[in-house]
Amino acid sequence: MSALAAVLHSALPGRPERLAGLDAAIRAPLPLSTSLGLLGVPATDGGVAAPTAVVGALLARTLAGRRGRRVLAVAAASEENTMLQRAGLEEPAIPTAGQLAERAGARDSAQATEGLARTPSGLWALDTEGTPGRWWEAVAPISRFFDFVVTDWGAPAALDDARAASALTVVVTAADRAGLQAAVDLRARIQAPGTGCLIVVHDTGEGPRGLAEAARVNDAAWLGADPALASECPDPARLRYRTRLALLDLAARVVTAAGARHAPEVSS
């Protein structure tokens, strides 16, 4: 999308106020680190239709870019093209035994990030090689040194680990009615006191008529069709304006949910 088109879109009536509100929500301070896990709803053919790697990469980049704080992206799904590659990582992110041992005793951010891979956009990165148990060994000891830890768990087979490791969960589904229903059902299974769960519906251009409204009724975020999202490493600068707006809205929801989780209860 051209810079001129972006300026024209953002100048439409009500848009400046909306953009300012989303930016303020994303930048809202949080007292503690937040662990965010992504799960994809399985396709009817047994695969995973939901592109958790794409959504995770873009969400992590949005949080890091807008909040200006350390964000750790973790690939915990068994995929060849992981969230880290989609975020632009060009170096290995699998930790060595020595690095795991050193980070286990980290006492500050410098020790926690020593030897960690990093994407060109500034995301810190770890790859657990699709082994859920490795998350607890590699990520748990250093998670407190990051504003957000965004983990792509992939399929719901990792639900137990994802639920235990995540204060917030994002369930990603393709744009079909069965997928949306499965996502709503999965959200009901995940939500518990002290945790939160959001749904993202990703449309690749084949979503049935009326599904966007069904997503809205079920309080699900909608990520519309965008050719740039089909790239192995989506370039945020090439995304359509409405896609950028949807990502800002999702990031604002995530930060707001994280803030609500940290907010003290008010007794009546």
C-alpha atoms as a PDB file:
ATOM      1  CA  MET A   1       0.000   0.000   0.000  1.00  0.00           C
ATOM      2  CA  SER A   2       1.413   3.432  -0.912  1.00  0.00           C
ATOM      3  CA  ALA A   3       2.210   6.023   1.728  1.00  0.00           C
ATOM      4  CA  LEU A   4      -0.259   8.413   0.076  1.00  0.00           C
ATOM      5  CA  ALA A   5      -3.084   5.872   0.247  1.00  0.00           C
ATOM      6  CA  ALA A   6      -2.328   5.254   3.927  1.00  0.00           C
ATOM      7  CA  VAL A   7      -2.461   8.982   4.640  1.00  0.00           C
ATOM      8  CA  LEU A   8      -5.781   9.357   2.777  1.00  0.00           C
ATOM      9  CA  HIS A   9      -7.329   6.405   4.640  1.00  0.00           C
ATOM     10  CA  SER A  10      -6.184   7.662   8.028  1.00  0.00           C
ATOM     11  CA  ALA A  11      -7.600  11.133   7.299  1.00  0.00           C
ATOM     12  CA  LEU A  12     -11.175   9.883   6.814  1.00  0.00           C
ATOM     13  CA  PRO A  13     -13.737  11.188   9.351  1.00  0.00           C
ATOM     14  CA  GLY A  14     -13.244   9.532  12.728  1.00  0.00           C
ATOM     15  CA  ARG A  15     -10.091   7.671  11.677  1.00  0.00           C
ATOM     16  CA  PRO A  16      -7.534   9.927  13.434  1.00  0.00           C
ATOM     17  CA  GLU A  17      -9.400   9.551  16.725  1.00  0.00           C
ATOM     18  CA  ARG A  18      -9.680   5.773  16.293  1.00  0.00           C
ATOM     19  CA  LEU A  19      -5.988   5.401  15.447  1.00  0.00           C
ATOM     20  CA  ALA A  20      -5.020   7.561  18.407  1.00  0.00           C
ATOM     21  CA  GLY A  21      -7.227   5.480  20.697  1.00  0.00           C
ATOM     22  CA  LEU A  22      -5.740   2.187  19.456  1.00  0.00           C
ATOM     23  CA  ASP A  23      -2.205   3.512  19.807  1.00  0.00           C
ATOM     24  CA  ALA A  24      -2.875   4.652  23.368  1.00  0.00           C
ATOM     25  CA  ALA A  25      -4.380   1.268  24.244  1.00  0.00           C
ATOM     26  CA  ILE A  26      -1.390  -0.613  22.818  1.00  0.00           C
ATOM     27  CA  ARG A  27       1.093   1.593  24.670  1.00  0.00           C
ATOM     28  CA  ALA A  28      -0.708   1.280  28.020  1.00  0.00           C
ATOM     29  CA  PRO A  29       1.798   0.319  30.743  1.00  0.00           C
ATOM     30  CA  LEU A  30       1.656  -3.151  32.281  1.00  0.00           C
ATOM     31  CA  PRO A  31       3.142  -3.993  35.685  1.00  0.00           C
ATOM     32  CA  LEU A  32       4.224  -7.527  34.812  1.00  0.00           C
ATOM     33  CA  SER A  33       5.360  -9.672  31.891  1.00  0.00           C
ATOM     34  CA  THR A  34       2.552 -11.331  29.931  1.00  0.00           C
ATOM     35  CA  SER A  35       2.785 -14.753  28.315  1.00  0.00           C
ATOM     36  CA  LEU A  36       0.615 -15.022  25.207  1.00  0.00           C
ATOM     37  CA  GLY A  37      -0.022 -18.349  23.458  1.00  0.00           C
ATOM     38  CA  LEU A  38      -1.488 -18.971  19.988  1.00  0.00           C
ATOM     39  CA  LEU A  39      -3.469 -22.093  19.087  1.00  0.00           C
ATOM     40  CA  GLY A  40      -4.903 -22.986  15.694  1.00  0.00           C
ATOM     41  CA  VAL A  41      -8.250 -24.670  15.081  1.00  0.00           C
ATOM     42  CA  PRO A  42      -7.814 -27.905  13.047  1.00  0.00           C
ATOM     43  CA  ALA A  43      -9.207 -28.016   9.518  1.00  0.00           C
ATOM     44  CA  THR A  44     -11.914 -30.511   8.638  1.00  0.00           C
ATOM     45  CA  ASP A  45      -9.343 -32.554   6.681  1.00  0.00           C
ATOM     46  CA  GLY A  46      -7.261 -33.069   9.811  1.00  0.00           C
ATOM     47  CA  GLY A  47      -4.661 -30.391   9.134  1.00  0.00           C
ATOM     48  CA  VAL A  48      -4.282 -26.999  10.756  1.00  0.00           C
ATOM     49  CA  ALA A  49      -5.931 -24.414   8.541  1.00  0.00           C
ATOM     50  CA  ALA A  50      -5.342 -21.490  10.835  1.00  0.00           C
ATOM     51  CA  PRO A  51      -2.037 -19.676  10.152  1.00  0.00           C
ATOM     52  CA  THR A  52      -0.956 -19.181  13.750  1.00  0.00           C
ATOM     53  CA  ALA A  53       2.612 -18.499  12.578  1.00  0.00           C
ATOM     54  CA  VAL A  54       1.495 -15.559  10.434  1.00  0.00           C
ATOM     55  CA  VAL A  55      -0.780 -14.042  13.079  1.00  0.00           C
ATOM     56  CA  GLY A  56       1.805 -14.606  15.812  1.00  0.00           C
ATOM     57  CA  ALA A  57       4.621 -13.000  13.839  1.00  0.00           C
ATOM     58  CA  LEU A  58       2.613  -9.901  12.942  1.00  0.00           C
ATOM     59  CA  LEU A  59       1.161  -9.541  16.437  1.00  0.00           C
ATOM     60  CA  ALA A  60       4.581  -9.847  18.081  1.00  0.00           C
ATOM     61  CA  ARG A  61       6.052  -7.271  15.710  1.00  0.00           C
ATOM     62  CA  THR A  62       3.159  -4.894  16.350  1.00  0.00           C
ATOM     63  CA  LEU A  63       3.514  -5.165  20.130  1.00  0.00           C
ATOM     64  CA  ALA A  64       7.274  -4.675  20.026  1.00  0.00           C
ATOM     65  CA  GLY A  65       7.119  -1.801  17.556  1.00  0.00           C
ATOM     66  CA  ARG A  66       4.339   0.136  19.267  1.00  0.00           C
ATOM     67  CA  ARG A  67       5.267  -0.520  22.885  1.00  0.00           C
ATOM     68  CA  GLY A  68       9.031  -0.169  22.418  1.00  0.00           C
ATOM     69  CA  ARG A  69       9.787  -2.958  24.905  1.00  0.00           C
ATOM     70  CA  ARG A  70      11.407  -6.384  24.730  1.00  0.00           C
ATOM     71  CA  VAL A  71       9.185  -9.018  23.116  1.00  0.00           C
ATOM     72  CA  LEU A  72      10.195 -12.678  22.879  1.00  0.00           C
ATOM     73  CA  ALA A  73       8.776 -14.720  19.978  1.00  0.00           C
ATOM     74  CA  VAL A  74       8.799 -18.482  20.573  1.00  0.00           C
ATOM     75  CA  ALA A  75       8.225 -21.159  17.934  1.00  0.00           C
ATOM     76  CA  ALA A  76       6.775 -24.182  19.759  1.00  0.00           C
ATOM     77  CA  ALA A  77       4.801 -25.649  16.843  1.00  0.00           C
ATOM     78  CA  SER A  78       6.024 -28.429  14.570  1.00  0.00           C
ATOM     79  CA  GLU A  79       6.263 -26.394  11.379  1.00  0.00           C
ATOM     80  CA  GLU A  80       8.953 -26.047   8.750  1.00  0.00           C
ATOM     81  CA  ASN A  81       8.279 -22.340   8.220  1.00  0.00           C
ATOM     82  CA  THR A  82       7.905 -21.197  11.813  1.00  0.00           C
ATOM     83  CA  MET A  83       6.648 -17.954  13.281  1.00  0.00           C
ATOM     84  CA  LEU A  84      10.261 -16.867  13.587  1.00  0.00           C
ATOM     85  CA  GLN A  85      10.952 -17.186   9.863  1.00  0.00           C
ATOM     86  CA  ARG A  86       7.710 -15.343   9.117  1.00  0.00           C
ATOM     87  CA  ALA A  87       8.925 -12.573  11.420  1.00  0.00           C
ATOM     88  CA  GLY A  88      12.137 -12.296   9.371  1.00  0.00           C
ATOM     89  CA  LEU A  89      14.587 -14.376  11.411  1.00  0.00           C
ATOM     90  CA  GLU A  90      17.652 -15.303   9.385  1.00  0.00           C
ATOM     91  CA  GLU A  91      19.710 -17.165  11.996  1.00  0.00           C
ATOM     92  CA  PRO A  92      19.265 -20.320  14.114  1.00  0.00           C
ATOM     93  CA  ALA A  93      17.221 -19.850  17.289  1.00  0.00           C
ATOM     94  CA  ILE A  94      17.610 -23.293  18.881  1.00  0.00           C
ATOM     95  CA  PRO A  95      19.460 -22.853  22.188  1.00  0.00           C
ATOM     96  CA  THR A  96      22.435 -24.983  23.143  1.00  0.00           C
ATOM     97  CA  ALA A  97      22.626 -26.891  26.418  1.00  0.00           C
ATOM     98  CA  GLY A  98      25.166 -24.373  27.671  1.00  0.00           C
ATOM     99  CA  GLN A  99      22.933 -21.417  26.866  1.00  0.00           C
ATOM    100  CA  LEU A 100      19.983 -23.048  28.624  1.00  0.00           C
ATOM    101  CA  ALA A 101      22.093 -23.598  31.730  1.00  0.00           C
ATOM    102  CA  GLU A 102      23.345 -20.003  31.765  1.00  0.00           C
ATOM    103  CA  ARG A 103      19.915 -18.463  31.221  1.00  0.00           C
ATOM    104  CA  ALA A 104      18.350 -20.658  33.897  1.00  0.00           C
ATOM    105  CA  GLY A 105      20.087 -18.501  36.490  1.00  0.00           C
ATOM    106  CA  ALA A 106      19.558 -15.135  34.782  1.00  0.00           C
ATOM    107  CA  ARG A 107      19.300 -12.250  37.203  1.00  0.00           C
ATOM    108  CA  ASP A 108      18.887  -9.388  34.742  1.00  0.00           C
ATOM    109  CA  SER A 109      17.843  -8.739  31.152  1.00  0.00           C
ATOM    110  CA  ALA A 110      21.414  -8.826  29.854  1.00  0.00           C
ATOM    111  CA  GLN A 111      21.872 -12.388  31.132  1.00  0.00           C
ATOM    112  CA  ALA A 112      18.403 -13.399  29.906  1.00  0.00           C
ATOM    113  CA  THR A 113      19.066 -12.212  26.348  1.00  0.00           C
ATOM    114  CA  GLU A 114      22.705 -13.316  26.085  1.00  0.00           C
ATOM    115  CA  GLY A 115      23.075 -15.397  22.917  1.00  0.00           C
ATOM    116  CA  LEU A 116      19.400 -15.111  21.912  1.00  0.00           C
ATOM    117  CA  ALA A 117      18.646 -14.810  18.210  1.00  0.00           C
ATOM    118  CA  ARG A 118      17.033 -11.588  17.035  1.00  0.00           C
ATOM    119  CA  THR A 119      15.062 -10.585  13.962  1.00  0.00           C
ATOM    120  CA  PRO A 120      15.877  -7.438  11.934  1.00  0.00           C
ATOM    121  CA  SER A 121      12.824  -5.723  13.439  1.00  0.00           C
ATOM    122  CA  GLY A 122      14.137  -6.302  16.976  1.00  0.00           C
ATOM    123  CA  LEU A 123      12.151  -9.330  18.159  1.00  0.00           C
ATOM    124  CA  TRP A 124      14.047 -11.733  20.373  1.00  0.00           C
ATOM    125  CA  ALA A 125      13.575 -15.341  19.241  1.00  0.00           C
ATOM    126  CA  LEU A 126      13.641 -18.908  20.535  1.00  0.00           C
ATOM    127  CA  ASP A 127      12.829 -22.200  18.807  1.00  0.00           C
ATOM    128  CA  THR A 128      11.754 -25.152  20.959  1.00  0.00           C
ATOM    129  CA  GLU A 129      11.773 -27.540  17.959  1.00  0.00           C
ATOM    130  CA  GLY A 130       8.117 -28.441  18.392  1.00  0.00           C
ATOM    131  CA  THR A 131       8.759 -30.013  21.796  1.00  0.00           C
ATOM    132  CA  PRO A 132       6.277 -28.564  24.333  1.00  0.00           C
ATOM    133  CA  GLY A 133       8.375 -29.617  27.326  1.00  0.00           C
ATOM    134  CA  ARG A 134      11.303 -27.607  26.000  1.00  0.00           C
ATOM    135  CA  TRP A 135       9.296 -24.407  26.542  1.00  0.00           C
ATOM    136  CA  TRP A 136       9.517 -24.828  30.299  1.00  0.00           C
ATOM    137  CA  GLU A 137      13.254 -25.347  30.126  1.00  0.00           C
ATOM    138  CA  ALA A 138      14.111 -22.633  27.621  1.00  0.00           C
ATOM    139  CA  VAL A 139      11.489 -19.934  28.114  1.00  0.00           C
ATOM    140  CA  ALA A 140      10.070 -20.080  31.647  1.00  0.00           C
ATOM    141  CA  PRO A 141      13.326 -19.037  33.408  1.00  0.00           C
ATOM    142  CA  ILE A 142      13.658 -15.824  31.356  1.00  0.00           C
ATOM    143  CA  SER A 143      10.066 -14.872  30.575  1.00  0.00           C
ATOM    144  CA  ARG A 144       9.882 -12.257  33.331  1.00  0.00           C
ATOM    145  CA  PHE A 145      12.490 -10.132  31.557  1.00  0.00           C
ATOM    146  CA  PHE A 146      10.200  -9.536  28.560  1.00  0.00           C
ATOM    147  CA  ASP A 147       7.170  -7.308  28.223  1.00  0.00           C
ATOM    148  CA  PHE A 148       5.427 -10.036  26.191  1.00  0.00           C
ATOM    149  CA  VAL A 149       6.323 -13.629  25.404  1.00  0.00           C
ATOM    150  CA  VAL A 150       4.409 -14.644  22.263  1.00  0.00           C
ATOM    151  CA  THR A 151       4.401 -18.407  21.662  1.00  0.00           C
ATOM    152  CA  ASP A 152       3.031 -20.209  18.622  1.00  0.00           C
ATOM    153  CA  TRP A 153       1.852 -23.602  19.932  1.00  0.00           C
ATOM    154  CA  GLY A 154       0.207 -24.650  16.666  1.00  0.00           C
ATOM    155  CA  ALA A 155      -2.483 -27.334  16.932  1.00  0.00           C
ATOM    156  CA  PRO A 156      -4.664 -27.847  20.038  1.00  0.00           C
ATOM    157  CA  ALA A 157      -2.708 -31.036  20.751  1.00  0.00           C
ATOM    158  CA  ALA A 158      -0.493 -28.722  22.813  1.00  0.00           C
ATOM    159  CA  LEU A 159      -3.518 -27.306  24.666  1.00  0.00           C
ATOM    160  CA  ASP A 160      -2.465 -28.415  28.148  1.00  0.00           C
ATOM    161  CA  ASP A 161       1.004 -26.856  27.871  1.00  0.00           C
ATOM    162  CA  ALA A 162      -0.344 -23.759  26.165  1.00  0.00           C
ATOM    163  CA  ARG A 163      -2.983 -23.232  28.835  1.00  0.00           C
ATOM    164  CA  ALA A 164      -0.487 -23.746  31.672  1.00  0.00           C
ATOM    165  CA  ALA A 165       2.123 -21.452  30.119  1.00  0.00           C
ATOM    166  CA  SER A 166      -0.169 -18.634  28.931  1.00  0.00           C
ATOM    167  CA  ALA A 167      -1.899 -15.871  30.815  1.00  0.00           C
ATOM    168  CA  LEU A 168      -3.638 -15.008  27.550  1.00  0.00           C
ATOM    169  CA  THR A 169      -4.474 -17.274  24.614  1.00  0.00           C
ATOM    170  CA  VAL A 170      -5.305 -16.336  21.048  1.00  0.00           C
ATOM    171  CA  VAL A 171      -7.271 -18.977  19.146  1.00  0.00           C
ATOM    172  CA  VAL A 172      -6.830 -18.592  15.378  1.00  0.00           C
ATOM    173  CA  THR A 173      -9.288 -20.068  12.899  1.00  0.00           C
ATOM    174  CA  ALA A 174      -9.808 -19.960   9.160  1.00  0.00           C
ATOM    175  CA  ALA A 175     -12.906 -18.139   7.924  1.00  0.00           C
ATOM    176  CA  ASP A 176     -15.561 -20.854   7.932  1.00  0.00           C
ATOM    177  CA  ARG A 177     -18.524 -21.474  10.188  1.00  0.00           C
ATOM    178  CA  ALA A 178     -17.258 -24.793  11.525  1.00  0.00           C
ATOM    179  CA  GLY A 179     -13.925 -23.190  12.383  1.00  0.00           C
ATOM    180  CA  LEU A 180     -15.560 -20.270  14.183  1.00  0.00           C
ATOM    181  CA  GLN A 181     -17.750 -22.645  16.194  1.00  0.00           C
ATOM    182  CA  ALA A 182     -14.718 -24.773  17.083  1.00  0.00           C
ATOM    183  CA  ALA A 183     -12.844 -21.633  18.156  1.00  0.00           C
ATOM    184  CA  VAL A 184     -15.734 -20.517  20.381  1.00  0.00           C
ATOM    185  CA  ASP A 185     -15.860 -23.992  21.947  1.00  0.00           C
ATOM    186  CA  LEU A 186     -12.094 -23.975  22.504  1.00  0.00           C
ATOM    187  CA  ARG A 187     -12.292 -20.545  24.121  1.00  0.00           C
ATOM    188  CA  ALA A 188     -14.857 -21.906  26.573  1.00  0.00           C
ATOM    189  CA  ARG A 189     -12.456 -24.740  27.489  1.00  0.00           C
ATOM    190  CA  ILE A 190      -9.495 -22.394  27.959  1.00  0.00           C
ATOM    191  CA  GLN A 191     -10.989 -19.523  29.911  1.00  0.00           C
ATOM    192  CA  ALA A 192     -10.559 -19.704  33.650  1.00  0.00           C
ATOM    193  CA  PRO A 193     -10.083 -17.224  36.518  1.00  0.00           C
ATOM    194  CA  GLY A 194      -6.880 -15.254  35.946  1.00  0.00           C
ATOM    195  CA  THR A 195      -6.661 -16.100  32.247  1.00  0.00           C
ATOM    196  CA  GLY A 196      -8.132 -14.714  29.062  1.00  0.00           C
ATOM    197  CA  CYS A 197      -8.798 -15.925  25.532  1.00  0.00           C
ATOM    198  CA  LEU A 198      -9.314 -14.045  22.272  1.00  0.00           C
ATOM    199  CA  ILE A 199     -10.394 -15.395  18.880  1.00  0.00           C
ATOM    200  CA  VAL A 200      -8.975 -14.292  15.531  1.00  0.00           C
ATOM    201  CA  VAL A 201     -10.712 -15.265  12.299  1.00  0.00           C
ATOM    202  CA  HIS A 202      -8.320 -15.188   9.348  1.00  0.00           C
ATOM    203  CA  ASP A 203     -10.029 -14.772   5.962  1.00  0.00           C
ATOM    204  CA  THR A 204      -8.062 -15.837   2.884  1.00  0.00           C
ATOM    205  CA  GLY A 205     -10.740 -14.552   0.543  1.00  0.00           C
ATOM    206  CA  GLU A 206     -12.977 -17.609   0.663  1.00  0.00           C
ATOM    207  CA  GLY A 207     -14.990 -16.848   3.778  1.00  0.00           C
ATOM    208  CA  PRO A 208     -18.774 -17.251   3.395  1.00  0.00           C
ATOM    209  CA  ARG A 209     -21.055 -14.242   3.295  1.00  0.00           C
ATOM    210  CA  GLY A 210     -22.106 -13.085   6.728  1.00  0.00           C
ATOM    211  CA  LEU A 211     -19.252 -14.724   8.629  1.00  0.00           C
ATOM    212  CA  ALA A 212     -17.661 -11.391   9.533  1.00  0.00           C
ATOM    213  CA  GLU A 213     -20.876 -10.438  11.322  1.00  0.00           C
ATOM    214  CA  ALA A 214     -20.954 -13.842  13.067  1.00  0.00           C
ATOM    215  CA  ALA A 215     -17.385 -13.213  14.207  1.00  0.00           C
ATOM    216  CA  ARG A 216     -18.358  -9.812  15.582  1.00  0.00           C
ATOM    217  CA  VAL A 217     -21.320 -11.274  17.474  1.00  0.00           C
ATOM    218  CA  ASN A 218     -18.962 -13.819  19.052  1.00  0.00           C
ATOM    219  CA  ASP A 219     -16.469 -11.069  19.980  1.00  0.00           C
ATOM    220  CA  ALA A 220     -13.849 -12.415  17.563  1.00  0.00           C
ATOM    221  CA  ALA A 221     -11.278 -10.253  15.794  1.00  0.00           C
ATOM    222  CA  TRP A 222     -11.403 -10.335  11.993  1.00  0.00           C
ATOM    223  CA  LEU A 223      -8.264 -10.379   9.855  1.00  0.00           C
ATOM    224  CA  GLY A 224      -9.404  -9.873   6.280  1.00  0.00           C
ATOM    225  CA  ALA A 225      -7.956 -11.261   3.075  1.00  0.00           C
ATOM    226  CA  ASP A 226      -4.678  -9.649   2.046  1.00  0.00           C
ATOM    227  CA  PRO A 227      -2.272 -10.931  -0.646  1.00  0.00           C
ATOM    228  CA  ALA A 228       0.702  -9.778   1.438  1.00  0.00           C
ATOM    229  CA  LEU A 229      -0.185 -12.305   4.149  1.00  0.00           C
ATOM    230  CA  ALA A 230       0.493 -15.187   1.744  1.00  0.00           C
ATOM    231  CA  SER A 231       4.205 -14.378   1.739  1.00  0.00           C
ATOM    232  CA  GLU A 232       6.572 -16.609   3.721  1.00  0.00           C
ATOM    233  CA  CYS A 233       7.699 -13.448   5.495  1.00  0.00           C
ATOM    234  CA  PRO A 234       4.891 -10.854   5.336  1.00  0.00           C
ATOM    235  CA  ASP A 235       6.184  -7.301   5.046  1.00  0.00           C
ATOM    236  CA  PRO A 236       4.112  -5.002   7.300  1.00  0.00           C
ATOM    237  CA  ALA A 237       4.773  -2.131   4.904  1.00  0.00           C
ATOM    238  CA  ARG A 238       2.949  -3.978   2.101  1.00  0.00           C
ATOM    239  CA  LEU A 239      -0.169  -4.795   4.094  1.00  0.00           C
ATOM    240  CA  ARG A 240      -3.448  -3.188   3.173  1.00  0.00           C
ATOM    241  CA  TYR A 241      -4.635  -0.377   5.389  1.00  0.00           C
ATOM    242  CA  ARG A 242      -7.544  -2.423   6.741  1.00  0.00           C
ATOM    243  CA  THR A 243      -5.118  -5.244   7.638  1.00  0.00           C
ATOM    244  CA  ARG A 244      -2.900  -2.845   9.549  1.00  0.00           C
ATOM    245  CA  LEU A 245      -5.956  -1.492  11.326  1.00  0.00           C
ATOM    246  CA  ALA A 246      -7.066  -5.034  12.212  1.00  0.00           C
ATOM    247  CA  LEU A 247      -3.613  -5.794  13.657  1.00  0.00           C
ATOM    248  CA  LEU A 248      -3.680  -2.617  15.725  1.00  0.00           C
ATOM    249  CA  ASP A 249      -7.126  -3.561  17.003  1.00  0.00           C
ATOM    250  CA  LEU A 250      -5.908  -7.055  17.913  1.00  0.00           C
ATOM    251  CA  ALA A 251      -2.825  -5.711  19.684  1.00  0.00           C
ATOM    252  CA  ALA A 252      -4.992  -3.243  21.615  1.00  0.00           C
ATOM    253  CA  ARG A 253      -7.289  -6.091  22.681  1.00  0.00           C
ATOM    254  CA  VAL A 254      -4.300  -8.113  23.863  1.00  0.00           C
ATOM    255  CA  VAL A 255      -2.859  -5.279  25.951  1.00  0.00           C
ATOM    256  CA  THR A 256      -6.270  -4.409  27.392  1.00  0.00           C
ATOM    257  CA  ALA A 257      -6.859  -8.051  28.356  1.00  0.00           C
ATOM    258  CA  ALA A 258      -3.400  -8.217  29.925  1.00  0.00           C
ATOM    259  CA  GLY A 259      -4.096  -5.053  31.906  1.00  0.00           C
ATOM    260  CA  ALA A 260      -7.426  -6.403  33.131  1.00  0.00           C
ATOM    261  CA  ARG A 261      -5.687  -9.561  34.322  1.00  0.00           C
ATOM    262  CA  HIS A 262      -3.181  -7.524  36.341  1.00  0.00           C
ATOM    263  CA  ALA A 263      -5.749  -5.052  37.718  1.00  0.00           C
ATOM    264  CA  PRO A 264      -6.453  -5.480  41.444  1.00  0.00           C
ATOM    265  CA  GLU A 265      -9.927  -6.596  42.428  1.00  0.00           C
ATOM    266  CA  VAL A 266     -12.084  -3.914  44.026  1.00  0.00           C
ATOM    267  CA  SER A 267     -14.093  -5.127  46.985  1.00  0.00           C
ATOM    268  CA  SER A 268     -17.625  -3.848  47.352  1.00  0.00           C
END
